[in-house]
Protein backbone atom coordinates (compact mmCIF):
# COMPACT_ATOMS: atom_id res chain seq x y z
CA PHE A 1 113.22 120.33 121.13
CA LEU A 2 112.74 121.96 117.73
CA ASN A 3 111.74 125.27 119.33
CA ASP A 4 115.24 125.51 120.81
CA SER A 5 117.06 124.43 117.64
CA ASN A 6 118.56 125.76 114.45
CA ILE A 7 117.23 123.94 111.40
CA CYS A 8 119.22 123.98 108.18
CA VAL A 9 118.60 122.19 104.87
CA HIS A 10 121.59 120.82 102.94
CA GLY A 11 120.50 119.22 99.69
CA ASP A 12 118.13 116.40 100.62
CA ASN A 13 119.24 116.40 104.26
CA ILE A 14 117.94 118.37 107.22
CA VAL A 15 120.39 119.22 110.00
CA VAL A 16 118.99 120.12 113.43
CA THR A 17 121.45 121.76 115.86
CA PRO A 18 120.22 122.36 119.44
CA ARG A 19 120.75 126.00 120.51
CA SER A 20 120.79 125.18 124.22
CA SER A 21 124.13 123.37 124.29
CA ALA A 22 127.16 124.14 122.17
CA ASP A 23 128.53 120.68 122.95
CA SER A 24 125.52 118.81 121.53
CA PRO A 25 126.22 117.27 118.15
CA PRO A 26 123.83 118.18 115.30
CA LEU A 27 121.19 115.66 114.33
CA LEU A 28 121.02 114.62 110.68
CA TRP A 29 117.67 113.64 109.25
CA ARG A 30 117.49 112.22 105.75
CA PRO A 31 113.96 112.45 104.35
CA THR A 32 115.17 110.42 101.36
CA GLN A 33 115.17 107.41 103.67
CA ILE A 34 111.38 107.54 103.86
CA LYS A 35 110.60 108.69 100.32
CA GLN A 36 108.44 106.47 98.20
CA GLU A 37 110.55 104.09 96.20
CA GLU A 38 110.21 104.54 92.47
CA GLY A 39 107.38 102.54 90.93
CA LEU A 40 105.84 101.55 94.26
CA GLU A 41 102.41 102.46 95.57
CA PHE A 42 101.55 103.99 98.92
CA GLY A 43 98.38 104.42 100.96
CA ARG A 44 95.54 101.93 101.00
CA TRP A 45 96.06 98.59 99.29
CA SER A 46 93.90 97.86 96.25
CA GLN A 47 91.88 94.64 96.10
CA ALA A 48 94.23 93.32 93.41
CA GLU A 49 97.32 94.04 95.54
CA HIS A 50 95.74 92.35 98.55
CA ALA A 51 94.82 89.32 96.44
CA ARG A 52 98.45 89.05 95.21
CA PHE A 53 99.62 89.42 98.83
CA VAL A 54 97.40 86.51 99.94
CA GLU A 55 98.59 84.43 96.95
CA GLY A 56 102.21 85.13 97.83
CA LEU A 57 101.62 84.29 101.47
CA GLN A 58 100.09 80.94 100.50
CA LYS A 59 102.75 80.21 97.88
CA PHE A 60 105.89 81.25 99.81
CA GLY A 61 104.79 80.99 103.43
CA LYS A 62 104.89 83.32 106.39
CA ARG A 63 107.85 85.67 106.89
CA LYS A 64 109.06 85.38 103.29
CA TRP A 65 108.51 89.13 102.87
CA VAL A 66 111.00 89.68 100.04
CA ARG A 67 109.46 86.97 97.87
CA ILE A 68 105.93 88.12 98.70
CA ALA A 69 106.84 91.74 97.86
CA GLU A 70 108.25 90.59 94.52
CA HIS A 71 105.01 88.69 93.89
CA VAL A 72 102.85 91.73 94.75
CA GLY A 73 105.07 93.89 92.55
CA THR A 74 103.80 97.31 93.67
CA ARG A 75 104.77 97.34 97.38
CA SER A 76 108.04 97.42 99.29
CA VAL A 77 109.17 94.68 101.65
CA ILE A 78 108.39 96.92 104.62
CA GLN A 79 104.88 97.61 103.32
CA VAL A 80 104.28 93.88 102.80
CA ARG A 81 105.54 93.04 106.28
CA SER A 82 103.30 95.74 107.78
CA HIS A 83 100.30 94.52 105.79
CA ALA A 84 100.58 91.04 107.25
């Protein structure tokens, strides 16, 4: 798909317009949606983070990802949910 496309960067957004069809609408990709949130870690979890995750899981229960993420303090809700 990208081989047959025009790619243009507008600020933080990337717009991909297919060359093959003039009627196809451009696709908008926002890398800012997947950027690391300020103050949060990424990559492998440290032992301390994992310990806080387990504590939060025991304290707040399963599927309470927001509260567990707040307890961990260095990971997003999505990261906590994925770590489970």
